[in-house]
Amino acid sequence: MCKIDAMARYPFDQQFQNAVKSLSQFEGETWDTLIDHYKVGQGPVFDQLAALDYPPATVSKYISRLFAMSIADLFELAKDDRLEASPALLVLQTSSSKTVLRKAIQLCASPFAKERAIGVLTLMRKPGLVYRKEAVAALKKMLPTEDSDTVIATLAYALRHLDVEDRSAFLIKAAQSEFASTRFAAAYSLGELNDEFAIQTKIALSTDEDEAVRDWATFGLQLGLVGDQTQREDIRDALFARIDDPFEDARYEAIEGLARCQDPRVIPPLIKALEQPEVWDLAIEAAAAMADPALFPALTKLRTWWQDGSRPDRLDIALACCAPKAAAPF
């Protein structure tokens, strides 16, 4: 049987799709913007398409026609698309239709991995948020037997989007994948979870060879620092192990986490971070959290040049927290 060209069935031609693809390396985000804002037809993406001879009125017409397509046709289009850049899938993800829900749940039991991935990705957004009980039940049914790395990664994302609390045990499986993209999905999904499965998995992923995986695992460790978690030696040691990470994002997440733990080992690297030509907001926040007078001289030097347009008071707060206290009178 000859395969039908799904892209030809879209209500716009390949030339328009190529134009959208040319705007960013993250094609899916561009489609997402168009689908979210096509009724208004304003913004940088619309301006860029206008420069390519696709004025906002034309773009809005194309997306309106996409929304007018049948649910069955949208699912068929998604099956032939790349999942990370499927306009049809993005439209399905905006639906609150019971028909979309039922079809997505049906696909979750498909023998074909791509169809299962489409089912999971559909349930991850509005269909699953509107019909959460049914969606979560369908996803949990998949967990014991799923063996496709692609589907395991989509499940990891979906479980966090739907805030499924008992997801940590499944994420151990995702964290052990040979593929960095799947391990990244596990690190993202673990987030601020603080059960023992989650903590140990995040600690393991914080040493991953992939910098993005290390970053999100380290972020998750510091995000989960509440109550007694700040006193756990294994968490503090995992954060300290990232204090010289070559990937700056992971390094600064570690600095902030150690400061929140009041771990004195963070003071020398934090002073170094505050003396850089470019000082991160996280370093200022870490100084405020640490509240140690040893940081005050470096913070004082920043007053002459450092600015934060979004939080003008950030440096003042850090200075106040770290200011040396007056000696008590005899």
C-alpha atoms as a PDB file:
ATOM      1  CA  MET A   1       0.000   0.000   0.000  1.00  0.00           C
ATOM      2  CA  CYS A   2       1.342   3.416  -0.954  1.00  0.00           C
ATOM      3  CA  LYS A   3       1.918   5.708   2.024  1.00  0.00           C
ATOM      4  CA  ILE A   4      -0.170   8.880   1.926  1.00  0.00           C
ATOM      5  CA  ASP A   5       1.829  12.070   2.272  1.00  0.00           C
ATOM      6  CA  ALA A   6       0.394  13.493   5.511  1.00  0.00           C
ATOM      7  CA  MET A   7       1.999  16.911   5.013  1.00  0.00           C
ATOM      8  CA  ALA A   8       0.106  17.361   1.724  1.00  0.00           C
ATOM      9  CA  ARG A   9      -3.171  17.067   3.627  1.00  0.00           C
ATOM     10  CA  TYR A  10      -2.400  20.038   5.823  1.00  0.00           C
ATOM     11  CA  PRO A  11      -4.378  23.176   4.926  1.00  0.00           C
ATOM     12  CA  PHE A  12      -1.135  24.881   3.891  1.00  0.00           C
ATOM     13  CA  ASP A  13       1.652  23.889   1.578  1.00  0.00           C
ATOM     14  CA  GLN A  14       5.164  22.615   2.186  1.00  0.00           C
ATOM     15  CA  GLN A  15       6.602  26.044   1.396  1.00  0.00           C
ATOM     16  CA  PHE A  16       4.796  27.549   4.393  1.00  0.00           C
ATOM     17  CA  GLN A  17       5.960  24.697   6.610  1.00  0.00           C
ATOM     18  CA  ASN A  18       9.519  25.293   5.471  1.00  0.00           C
ATOM     19  CA  ALA A  19       9.148  28.978   6.304  1.00  0.00           C
ATOM     20  CA  VAL A  20       8.037  28.107   9.851  1.00  0.00           C
ATOM     21  CA  LYS A  21      10.908  25.658  10.192  1.00  0.00           C
ATOM     22  CA  SER A  22      13.421  28.301   9.111  1.00  0.00           C
ATOM     23  CA  LEU A  23      12.557  30.639  11.991  1.00  0.00           C
ATOM     24  CA  SER A  24      14.084  28.590  14.785  1.00  0.00           C
ATOM     25  CA  GLN A  25      15.912  25.376  15.530  1.00  0.00           C
ATOM     26  CA  PHE A  26      13.010  24.635  17.897  1.00  0.00           C
ATOM     27  CA  GLU A  27      10.355  24.247  15.238  1.00  0.00           C
ATOM     28  CA  GLY A  28       7.801  22.892  17.692  1.00  0.00           C
ATOM     29  CA  GLU A  29       7.966  26.073  19.785  1.00  0.00           C
ATOM     30  CA  THR A  30       7.264  28.176  16.680  1.00  0.00           C
ATOM     31  CA  TRP A  31       4.191  26.123  15.821  1.00  0.00           C
ATOM     32  CA  ASP A  32       3.121  26.327  19.456  1.00  0.00           C
ATOM     33  CA  THR A  33       3.283  30.129  19.326  1.00  0.00           C
ATOM     34  CA  LEU A  34       1.299  30.258  16.102  1.00  0.00           C
ATOM     35  CA  ILE A  35      -1.378  27.938  17.471  1.00  0.00           C
ATOM     36  CA  ASP A  36      -1.659  29.858  20.752  1.00  0.00           C
ATOM     37  CA  HIS A  37      -1.788  33.337  19.192  1.00  0.00           C
ATOM     38  CA  TYR A  38      -3.208  32.924  15.691  1.00  0.00           C
ATOM     39  CA  LYS A  39      -6.427  34.787  16.555  1.00  0.00           C
ATOM     40  CA  VAL A  40      -4.438  37.878  17.555  1.00  0.00           C
ATOM     41  CA  GLY A  41      -1.805  37.484  14.844  1.00  0.00           C
ATOM     42  CA  GLN A  42       0.787  39.651  16.554  1.00  0.00           C
ATOM     43  CA  GLY A  43       4.296  39.080  17.835  1.00  0.00           C
ATOM     44  CA  PRO A  44       7.843  38.410  16.600  1.00  0.00           C
ATOM     45  CA  VAL A  45       6.961  35.107  14.910  1.00  0.00           C
ATOM     46  CA  PHE A  46       4.199  36.743  12.899  1.00  0.00           C
ATOM     47  CA  ASP A  47       6.527  39.608  11.976  1.00  0.00           C
ATOM     48  CA  GLN A  48       9.171  37.140  10.791  1.00  0.00           C
ATOM     49  CA  LEU A  49       6.654  35.248   8.677  1.00  0.00           C
ATOM     50  CA  ALA A  50       5.388  38.517   7.220  1.00  0.00           C
ATOM     51  CA  ALA A  51       8.947  39.224   6.076  1.00  0.00           C
ATOM     52  CA  LEU A  52       8.794  35.871   4.265  1.00  0.00           C
ATOM     53  CA  ASP A  53       5.601  36.922   2.423  1.00  0.00           C
ATOM     54  CA  TYR A  54       3.144  35.323   4.867  1.00  0.00           C
ATOM     55  CA  PRO A  55       1.190  38.240   6.407  1.00  0.00           C
ATOM     56  CA  PRO A  56      -0.641  37.687   9.727  1.00  0.00           C
ATOM     57  CA  ALA A  57      -4.023  37.391   8.012  1.00  0.00           C
ATOM     58  CA  THR A  58      -2.739  34.519   5.870  1.00  0.00           C
ATOM     59  CA  VAL A  59      -1.132  32.754   8.826  1.00  0.00           C
ATOM     60  CA  SER A  60      -4.304  33.102  10.900  1.00  0.00           C
ATOM     61  CA  LYS A  61      -6.324  31.642   8.036  1.00  0.00           C
ATOM     62  CA  TYR A  62      -4.005  28.644   7.787  1.00  0.00           C
ATOM     63  CA  ILE A  63      -4.180  27.906  11.532  1.00  0.00           C
ATOM     64  CA  SER A  64      -7.963  28.406  11.590  1.00  0.00           C
ATOM     65  CA  ARG A  65      -8.279  25.766   8.896  1.00  0.00           C
ATOM     66  CA  LEU A  66      -6.060  23.469  10.921  1.00  0.00           C
ATOM     67  CA  PHE A  67      -8.398  23.757  13.903  1.00  0.00           C
ATOM     68  CA  ALA A  68     -11.356  23.033  11.600  1.00  0.00           C
ATOM     69  CA  MET A  69      -9.977  19.609  10.626  1.00  0.00           C
ATOM     70  CA  SER A  70     -11.572  16.460  11.999  1.00  0.00           C
ATOM     71  CA  ILE A  71     -10.101  14.758  15.064  1.00  0.00           C
ATOM     72  CA  ALA A  72      -9.488  11.605  13.034  1.00  0.00           C
ATOM     73  CA  ASP A  73      -7.535  13.531  10.393  1.00  0.00           C
ATOM     74  CA  LEU A  74      -5.460  15.325  13.024  1.00  0.00           C
ATOM     75  CA  PHE A  75      -4.432  12.031  14.599  1.00  0.00           C
ATOM     76  CA  GLU A  76      -3.538  10.622  11.186  1.00  0.00           C
ATOM     77  CA  LEU A  77      -1.408  13.654  10.416  1.00  0.00           C
ATOM     78  CA  ALA A  78       0.367  13.355  13.754  1.00  0.00           C
ATOM     79  CA  LYS A  79       1.264   9.735  12.999  1.00  0.00           C
ATOM     80  CA  ASP A  80       3.259  10.811   9.938  1.00  0.00           C
ATOM     81  CA  ASP A  81       4.834  13.901  11.550  1.00  0.00           C
ATOM     82  CA  ARG A  82       7.948  14.297  13.606  1.00  0.00           C
ATOM     83  CA  LEU A  83       6.557  14.365  17.136  1.00  0.00           C
ATOM     84  CA  GLU A  84       8.670  17.315  18.250  1.00  0.00           C
ATOM     85  CA  ALA A  85       7.248  19.509  15.462  1.00  0.00           C
ATOM     86  CA  SER A  86       3.722  18.334  14.679  1.00  0.00           C
ATOM     87  CA  PRO A  87       1.116  21.082  14.221  1.00  0.00           C
ATOM     88  CA  ALA A  88      -1.634  18.449  14.278  1.00  0.00           C
ATOM     89  CA  LEU A  89      -0.467  17.070  17.622  1.00  0.00           C
ATOM     90  CA  LEU A  90      -0.251  20.572  19.091  1.00  0.00           C
ATOM     91  CA  VAL A  91      -3.870  21.232  18.102  1.00  0.00           C
ATOM     92  CA  LEU A  92      -4.960  17.935  19.686  1.00  0.00           C
ATOM     93  CA  GLN A  93      -3.150  18.949  22.874  1.00  0.00           C
ATOM     94  CA  THR A  94      -5.387  22.045  23.145  1.00  0.00           C
ATOM     95  CA  SER A  95      -8.617  20.048  22.986  1.00  0.00           C
ATOM     96  CA  SER A  96     -11.062  19.327  25.805  1.00  0.00           C
ATOM     97  CA  SER A  97     -13.029  16.903  23.640  1.00  0.00           C
ATOM     98  CA  LYS A  98     -13.940  13.504  25.102  1.00  0.00           C
ATOM     99  CA  THR A  99     -13.396  12.082  21.631  1.00  0.00           C
ATOM    100  CA  VAL A 100      -9.770  13.230  21.695  1.00  0.00           C
ATOM    101  CA  LEU A 101      -9.366  11.755  25.174  1.00  0.00           C
ATOM    102  CA  ARG A 102     -10.775   8.368  24.140  1.00  0.00           C
ATOM    103  CA  LYS A 103      -8.655   8.203  20.989  1.00  0.00           C
ATOM    104  CA  ALA A 104      -5.503   9.130  22.910  1.00  0.00           C
ATOM    105  CA  ILE A 105      -6.198   6.435  25.522  1.00  0.00           C
ATOM    106  CA  GLN A 106      -6.756   3.939  22.705  1.00  0.00           C
ATOM    107  CA  LEU A 107      -3.393   4.846  21.179  1.00  0.00           C
ATOM    108  CA  CYS A 108      -1.658   4.346  24.533  1.00  0.00           C
ATOM    109  CA  ALA A 109      -2.393   0.618  24.098  1.00  0.00           C
ATOM    110  CA  SER A 110      -1.194   0.474  20.484  1.00  0.00           C
ATOM    111  CA  PRO A 111       1.432  -2.130  19.489  1.00  0.00           C
ATOM    112  CA  PHE A 112       3.294   0.689  17.694  1.00  0.00           C
ATOM    113  CA  ALA A 113       5.627   2.856  19.788  1.00  0.00           C
ATOM    114  CA  LYS A 114       4.995   6.051  17.830  1.00  0.00           C
ATOM    115  CA  GLU A 115       1.234   5.719  18.286  1.00  0.00           C
ATOM    116  CA  ARG A 116       1.708   5.150  22.021  1.00  0.00           C
ATOM    117  CA  ALA A 117       3.898   8.268  22.149  1.00  0.00           C
ATOM    118  CA  ILE A 118       1.177  10.292  20.409  1.00  0.00           C
ATOM    119  CA  GLY A 119      -1.370   9.025  22.916  1.00  0.00           C
ATOM    120  CA  VAL A 120       0.844   9.985  25.862  1.00  0.00           C
ATOM    121  CA  LEU A 121       1.735  13.405  24.432  1.00  0.00           C
ATOM    122  CA  THR A 122      -1.933  14.175  23.814  1.00  0.00           C
ATOM    123  CA  LEU A 123      -2.908  13.223  27.365  1.00  0.00           C
ATOM    124  CA  MET A 124      -0.024  15.298  28.747  1.00  0.00           C
ATOM    125  CA  ARG A 125      -1.721  18.587  27.954  1.00  0.00           C
ATOM    126  CA  LYS A 126      -5.311  19.826  28.087  1.00  0.00           C
ATOM    127  CA  PRO A 127      -7.076  16.493  27.481  1.00  0.00           C
ATOM    128  CA  GLY A 128      -5.268  15.027  30.485  1.00  0.00           C
ATOM    129  CA  LEU A 129      -5.701  18.120  32.630  1.00  0.00           C
ATOM    130  CA  VAL A 130      -9.443  18.232  31.948  1.00  0.00           C
ATOM    131  CA  TYR A 131      -9.968  14.488  32.352  1.00  0.00           C
ATOM    132  CA  ARG A 132      -7.131  13.822  34.775  1.00  0.00           C
ATOM    133  CA  LYS A 133      -8.475  10.657  36.409  1.00  0.00           C
ATOM    134  CA  GLU A 134      -8.944   8.834  33.102  1.00  0.00           C
ATOM    135  CA  ALA A 135      -5.642  10.107  31.700  1.00  0.00           C
ATOM    136  CA  VAL A 136      -3.559   9.147  34.738  1.00  0.00           C
ATOM    137  CA  ALA A 137      -5.138   5.683  34.813  1.00  0.00           C
ATOM    138  CA  ALA A 138      -4.193   5.138  31.157  1.00  0.00           C
ATOM    139  CA  LEU A 139      -0.617   6.289  31.731  1.00  0.00           C
ATOM    140  CA  LYS A 140      -0.125   4.186  34.851  1.00  0.00           C
ATOM    141  CA  LYS A 141      -1.339   1.132  32.960  1.00  0.00           C
ATOM    142  CA  MET A 142       1.606   1.575  30.583  1.00  0.00           C
ATOM    143  CA  LEU A 143       4.349   1.902  33.191  1.00  0.00           C
ATOM    144  CA  PRO A 144       5.105  -1.750  34.032  1.00  0.00           C
ATOM    145  CA  THR A 145       5.586  -2.940  30.453  1.00  0.00           C
ATOM    146  CA  GLU A 146       6.730   0.031  28.340  1.00  0.00           C
ATOM    147  CA  ASP A 147      10.039  -0.727  26.635  1.00  0.00           C
ATOM    148  CA  SER A 148      10.435   2.029  24.032  1.00  0.00           C
ATOM    149  CA  ASP A 149      12.879   4.765  25.035  1.00  0.00           C
ATOM    150  CA  THR A 150      10.855   7.360  23.137  1.00  0.00           C
ATOM    151  CA  VAL A 151       7.657   6.419  24.940  1.00  0.00           C
ATOM    152  CA  ILE A 152       9.407   6.150  28.313  1.00  0.00           C
ATOM    153  CA  ALA A 153      10.649   9.734  27.847  1.00  0.00           C
ATOM    154  CA  THR A 154       7.175  11.007  26.900  1.00  0.00           C
ATOM    155  CA  LEU A 155       5.724   9.208  29.922  1.00  0.00           C
ATOM    156  CA  ALA A 156       8.273  10.917  32.177  1.00  0.00           C
ATOM    157  CA  TYR A 157       7.200  14.333  30.887  1.00  0.00           C
ATOM    158  CA  ALA A 158       3.493  13.475  31.107  1.00  0.00           C
ATOM    159  CA  LEU A 159       3.720  12.208  34.678  1.00  0.00           C
ATOM    160  CA  ARG A 160       5.177  15.519  35.797  1.00  0.00           C
ATOM    161  CA  HIS A 161       2.773  17.645  33.752  1.00  0.00           C
ATOM    162  CA  LEU A 162      -0.140  15.809  35.352  1.00  0.00           C
ATOM    163  CA  ASP A 163       1.577  15.919  38.769  1.00  0.00           C
ATOM    164  CA  VAL A 164       1.440  12.168  39.385  1.00  0.00           C
ATOM    165  CA  GLU A 165       3.023  11.965  42.818  1.00  0.00           C
ATOM    166  CA  ASP A 166       4.028   8.284  42.849  1.00  0.00           C
ATOM    167  CA  ARG A 167       6.121   8.462  39.683  1.00  0.00           C
ATOM    168  CA  SER A 168       9.614   8.124  41.145  1.00  0.00           C
ATOM    169  CA  ALA A 169       9.950   4.344  40.894  1.00  0.00           C
ATOM    170  CA  PHE A 170       9.156   4.433  37.166  1.00  0.00           C
ATOM    171  CA  LEU A 171      11.629   7.261  36.629  1.00  0.00           C
ATOM    172  CA  ILE A 172      14.484   5.036  37.821  1.00  0.00           C
ATOM    173  CA  LYS A 173      13.926   3.101  34.590  1.00  0.00           C
ATOM    174  CA  ALA A 174      14.048   6.298  32.534  1.00  0.00           C
ATOM    175  CA  ALA A 175      17.175   7.452  34.378  1.00  0.00           C
ATOM    176  CA  GLN A 176      19.024   4.264  33.403  1.00  0.00           C
ATOM    177  CA  SER A 177      18.459   4.710  29.662  1.00  0.00           C
ATOM    178  CA  GLU A 178      21.429   4.731  27.311  1.00  0.00           C
ATOM    179  CA  PHE A 179      19.942   7.818  25.654  1.00  0.00           C
ATOM    180  CA  ALA A 180      20.658  11.234  27.175  1.00  0.00           C
ATOM    181  CA  SER A 181      17.295  12.577  25.985  1.00  0.00           C
ATOM    182  CA  THR A 182      15.480   9.953  28.066  1.00  0.00           C
ATOM    183  CA  ARG A 183      17.686  10.540  31.107  1.00  0.00           C
ATOM    184  CA  PHE A 184      16.983  14.258  30.712  1.00  0.00           C
ATOM    185  CA  ALA A 185      13.242  13.531  30.749  1.00  0.00           C
ATOM    186  CA  ALA A 186      13.746  11.609  33.998  1.00  0.00           C
ATOM    187  CA  ALA A 187      15.717  14.476  35.592  1.00  0.00           C
ATOM    188  CA  TYR A 188      13.050  16.975  34.519  1.00  0.00           C
ATOM    189  CA  SER A 189      10.205  14.808  35.774  1.00  0.00           C
ATOM    190  CA  LEU A 190      11.794  14.180  39.177  1.00  0.00           C
ATOM    191  CA  GLY A 191      11.708  17.923  39.862  1.00  0.00           C
ATOM    192  CA  GLU A 192      11.234  18.704  43.531  1.00  0.00           C
ATOM    193  CA  LEU A 193      10.141  15.168  44.533  1.00  0.00           C
ATOM    194  CA  ASN A 194      11.644  14.195  47.871  1.00  0.00           C
ATOM    195  CA  ASP A 195      10.953  10.501  48.361  1.00  0.00           C
ATOM    196  CA  GLU A 196      13.978   8.261  48.644  1.00  0.00           C
ATOM    197  CA  PHE A 197      13.652   6.924  45.078  1.00  0.00           C
ATOM    198  CA  ALA A 198      13.658  10.494  43.762  1.00  0.00           C
ATOM    199  CA  ILE A 199      16.577  11.690  45.885  1.00  0.00           C
ATOM    200  CA  GLN A 200      18.854   8.785  45.009  1.00  0.00           C
ATOM    201  CA  THR A 201      17.975   9.010  41.310  1.00  0.00           C
ATOM    202  CA  LYS A 202      18.682  12.744  41.223  1.00  0.00           C
ATOM    203  CA  ILE A 203      21.990  12.215  42.995  1.00  0.00           C
ATOM    204  CA  ALA A 204      22.946   9.598  40.396  1.00  0.00           C
ATOM    205  CA  LEU A 205      21.855  11.817  37.483  1.00  0.00           C
ATOM    206  CA  SER A 206      23.777  14.796  38.893  1.00  0.00           C
ATOM    207  CA  THR A 207      26.948  12.972  37.812  1.00  0.00           C
ATOM    208  CA  ASP A 208      25.676  12.226  34.291  1.00  0.00           C
ATOM    209  CA  GLU A 209      28.024  12.662  31.341  1.00  0.00           C
ATOM    210  CA  ASP A 210      25.446  14.911  29.641  1.00  0.00           C
ATOM    211  CA  GLU A 211      25.586  18.496  30.911  1.00  0.00           C
ATOM    212  CA  ALA A 212      21.848  19.173  30.546  1.00  0.00           C
ATOM    213  CA  VAL A 213      21.016  16.041  32.547  1.00  0.00           C
ATOM    214  CA  ARG A 214      23.467  17.069  35.293  1.00  0.00           C
ATOM    215  CA  ASP A 215      21.990  20.547  35.346  1.00  0.00           C
ATOM    216  CA  TRP A 216      18.364  19.447  35.755  1.00  0.00           C
ATOM    217  CA  ALA A 217      19.253  16.807  38.338  1.00  0.00           C
ATOM    218  CA  THR A 218      21.232  19.386  40.342  1.00  0.00           C
ATOM    219  CA  PHE A 219      18.376  21.869  39.964  1.00  0.00           C
ATOM    220  CA  GLY A 220      15.998  19.208  41.254  1.00  0.00           C
ATOM    221  CA  LEU A 221      18.195  18.560  44.284  1.00  0.00           C
ATOM    222  CA  GLN A 222      18.284  22.220  45.257  1.00  0.00           C
ATOM    223  CA  LEU A 223      14.592  22.671  44.434  1.00  0.00           C
ATOM    224  CA  GLY A 224      13.716  19.924  46.902  1.00  0.00           C
ATOM    225  CA  LEU A 225      15.660  21.470  49.778  1.00  0.00           C
ATOM    226  CA  VAL A 226      12.935  21.865  52.376  1.00  0.00           C
ATOM    227  CA  GLY A 227      12.998  21.052  56.072  1.00  0.00           C
ATOM    228  CA  ASP A 228      15.348  18.235  57.021  1.00  0.00           C
ATOM    229  CA  GLN A 229      16.500  17.806  53.412  1.00  0.00           C
ATOM    230  CA  THR A 230      18.999  20.651  53.948  1.00  0.00           C
ATOM    231  CA  GLN A 231      20.779  18.522  56.557  1.00  0.00           C
ATOM    232  CA  ARG A 232      21.205  15.401  54.438  1.00  0.00           C
ATOM    233  CA  GLU A 233      24.889  14.758  53.926  1.00  0.00           C
ATOM    234  CA  ASP A 234      24.367  12.808  50.695  1.00  0.00           C
ATOM    235  CA  ILE A 235      22.482  15.709  49.088  1.00  0.00           C
ATOM    236  CA  ARG A 236      25.027  18.272  50.254  1.00  0.00           C
ATOM    237  CA  ASP A 237      27.922  16.146  48.999  1.00  0.00           C
ATOM    238  CA  ALA A 238      26.194  15.682  45.634  1.00  0.00           C
ATOM    239  CA  LEU A 239      25.791  19.451  45.337  1.00  0.00           C
ATOM    240  CA  PHE A 240      29.389  20.076  46.369  1.00  0.00           C
ATOM    241  CA  ALA A 241      30.565  17.617  43.725  1.00  0.00           C
ATOM    242  CA  ARG A 242      29.137  20.015  41.123  1.00  0.00           C
ATOM    243  CA  ILE A 243      30.778  23.132  42.559  1.00  0.00           C
ATOM    244  CA  ASP A 244      33.406  23.152  39.797  1.00  0.00           C
ATOM    245  CA  ASP A 245      31.197  21.732  37.062  1.00  0.00           C
ATOM    246  CA  PRO A 246      32.309  22.966  33.622  1.00  0.00           C
ATOM    247  CA  PHE A 247      28.644  23.597  32.789  1.00  0.00           C
ATOM    248  CA  GLU A 248      27.807  26.935  34.397  1.00  0.00           C
ATOM    249  CA  ASP A 249      24.110  26.232  34.936  1.00  0.00           C
ATOM    250  CA  ALA A 250      24.834  23.116  36.987  1.00  0.00           C
ATOM    251  CA  ARG A 251      27.592  24.923  38.890  1.00  0.00           C
ATOM    252  CA  TYR A 252      25.352  27.791  39.940  1.00  0.00           C
ATOM    253  CA  GLU A 253      22.485  25.479  40.907  1.00  0.00           C
ATOM    254  CA  ALA A 254      24.986  23.712  43.184  1.00  0.00           C
ATOM    255  CA  ILE A 255      26.138  27.009  44.688  1.00  0.00           C
ATOM    256  CA  GLU A 256      22.579  28.084  45.468  1.00  0.00           C
ATOM    257  CA  GLY A 257      21.713  24.687  46.898  1.00  0.00           C
ATOM    258  CA  LEU A 258      24.718  24.616  49.217  1.00  0.00           C
ATOM    259  CA  ALA A 259      23.944  28.151  50.380  1.00  0.00           C
ATOM    260  CA  ARG A 260      20.389  27.111  51.209  1.00  0.00           C
ATOM    261  CA  CYS A 261      21.915  24.235  53.215  1.00  0.00           C
ATOM    262  CA  GLN A 262      24.150  26.715  55.054  1.00  0.00           C
ATOM    263  CA  ASP A 263      27.125  24.605  54.018  1.00  0.00           C
ATOM    264  CA  PRO A 264      30.326  26.600  54.732  1.00  0.00           C
ATOM    265  CA  ARG A 265      32.136  24.849  51.860  1.00  0.00           C
ATOM    266  CA  VAL A 266      30.248  27.126  49.470  1.00  0.00           C
ATOM    267  CA  ILE A 267      31.811  30.377  50.713  1.00  0.00           C
ATOM    268  CA  PRO A 268      35.091  30.340  48.700  1.00  0.00           C
ATOM    269  CA  PRO A 269      33.438  29.352  45.371  1.00  0.00           C
ATOM    270  CA  LEU A 270      30.635  31.834  46.030  1.00  0.00           C
ATOM    271  CA  ILE A 271      33.098  34.673  46.603  1.00  0.00           C
ATOM    272  CA  LYS A 272      34.787  33.676  43.352  1.00  0.00           C
ATOM    273  CA  ALA A 273      31.404  33.758  41.584  1.00  0.00           C
ATOM    274  CA  LEU A 274      30.677  37.217  42.990  1.00  0.00           C
ATOM    275  CA  GLU A 275      34.017  38.507  41.664  1.00  0.00           C
ATOM    276  CA  GLN A 276      33.453  37.423  38.063  1.00  0.00           C
ATOM    277  CA  PRO A 277      33.094  39.994  35.244  1.00  0.00           C
ATOM    278  CA  GLU A 278      29.562  38.642  34.785  1.00  0.00           C
ATOM    279  CA  VAL A 279      27.696  37.865  38.015  1.00  0.00           C
ATOM    280  CA  TRP A 280      24.682  35.587  37.903  1.00  0.00           C
ATOM    281  CA  ASP A 281      21.458  36.339  39.741  1.00  0.00           C
ATOM    282  CA  LEU A 282      21.781  32.916  41.383  1.00  0.00           C
ATOM    283  CA  ALA A 283      25.050  34.007  42.998  1.00  0.00           C
ATOM    284  CA  ILE A 284      23.363  37.050  44.551  1.00  0.00           C
ATOM    285  CA  GLU A 285      20.486  34.906  45.782  1.00  0.00           C
ATOM    286  CA  ALA A 286      22.927  32.364  47.175  1.00  0.00           C
ATOM    287  CA  ALA A 287      24.723  35.109  49.093  1.00  0.00           C
ATOM    288  CA  ALA A 288      21.424  36.245  50.611  1.00  0.00           C
ATOM    289  CA  ALA A 289      20.617  32.659  51.586  1.00  0.00           C
ATOM    290  CA  MET A 290      24.062  32.065  53.107  1.00  0.00           C
ATOM    291  CA  ALA A 291      23.951  35.381  55.002  1.00  0.00           C
ATOM    292  CA  ASP A 292      27.644  35.244  55.906  1.00  0.00           C
ATOM    293  CA  PRO A 293      29.721  38.405  56.556  1.00  0.00           C
ATOM    294  CA  ALA A 294      32.614  36.852  54.597  1.00  0.00           C
ATOM    295  CA  LEU A 295      30.579  37.615  51.465  1.00  0.00           C
ATOM    296  CA  PHE A 296      29.991  41.271  52.321  1.00  0.00           C
ATOM    297  CA  PRO A 297      33.181  42.759  50.735  1.00  0.00           C
ATOM    298  CA  ALA A 298      32.511  41.074  47.371  1.00  0.00           C
ATOM    299  CA  LEU A 299      28.879  42.213  47.458  1.00  0.00           C
ATOM    300  CA  THR A 300      29.930  45.779  48.328  1.00  0.00           C
ATOM    301  CA  LYS A 301      32.131  45.937  45.218  1.00  0.00           C
ATOM    302  CA  LEU A 302      29.162  44.934  43.091  1.00  0.00           C
ATOM    303  CA  ARG A 303      27.223  48.022  44.147  1.00  0.00           C
ATOM    304  CA  THR A 304      29.368  50.136  41.805  1.00  0.00           C
ATOM    305  CA  TRP A 305      28.307  48.338  38.631  1.00  0.00           C
ATOM    306  CA  TRP A 306      25.950  45.374  38.995  1.00  0.00           C
ATOM    307  CA  GLN A 307      22.333  45.954  37.997  1.00  0.00           C
ATOM    308  CA  ASP A 308      19.255  43.751  37.827  1.00  0.00           C
ATOM    309  CA  GLY A 309      16.381  45.215  35.877  1.00  0.00           C
ATOM    310  CA  SER A 310      13.868  42.584  37.015  1.00  0.00           C
ATOM    311  CA  ARG A 311      14.768  42.750  40.724  1.00  0.00           C
ATOM    312  CA  PRO A 312      16.500  46.043  41.554  1.00  0.00           C
ATOM    313  CA  ASP A 313      16.455  45.177  45.276  1.00  0.00           C
ATOM    314  CA  ARG A 314      18.184  41.798  44.908  1.00  0.00           C
ATOM    315  CA  LEU A 315      21.672  43.119  45.716  1.00  0.00           C
ATOM    316  CA  ASP A 316      20.398  45.288  48.585  1.00  0.00           C
ATOM    317  CA  ILE A 317      18.764  42.235  50.159  1.00  0.00           C
ATOM    318  CA  ALA A 318      21.986  40.225  49.889  1.00  0.00           C
ATOM    319  CA  LEU A 319      24.017  43.088  51.392  1.00  0.00           C
ATOM    320  CA  ALA A 320      21.611  43.407  54.299  1.00  0.00           C
ATOM    321  CA  CYS A 321      21.727  39.669  54.954  1.00  0.00           C
ATOM    322  CA  CYS A 322      25.529  39.550  54.897  1.00  0.00           C
ATOM    323  CA  ALA A 323      26.278  42.836  56.679  1.00  0.00           C
ATOM    324  CA  PRO A 324      28.583  42.332  59.693  1.00  0.00           C
ATOM    325  CA  LYS A 325      26.630  42.588  62.905  1.00  0.00           C
ATOM    326  CA  ALA A 326      27.665  45.212  65.413  1.00  0.00           C
ATOM    327  CA  ALA A 327      29.621  43.834  68.323  1.00  0.00           C
ATOM    328  CA  ALA A 328      27.615  43.477  71.494  1.00  0.00           C
ATOM    329  CA  PRO A 329      28.563  46.044  74.189  1.00  0.00           C
ATOM    330  CA  PHE A 330      30.349  44.746  77.279  1.00  0.00           C
END
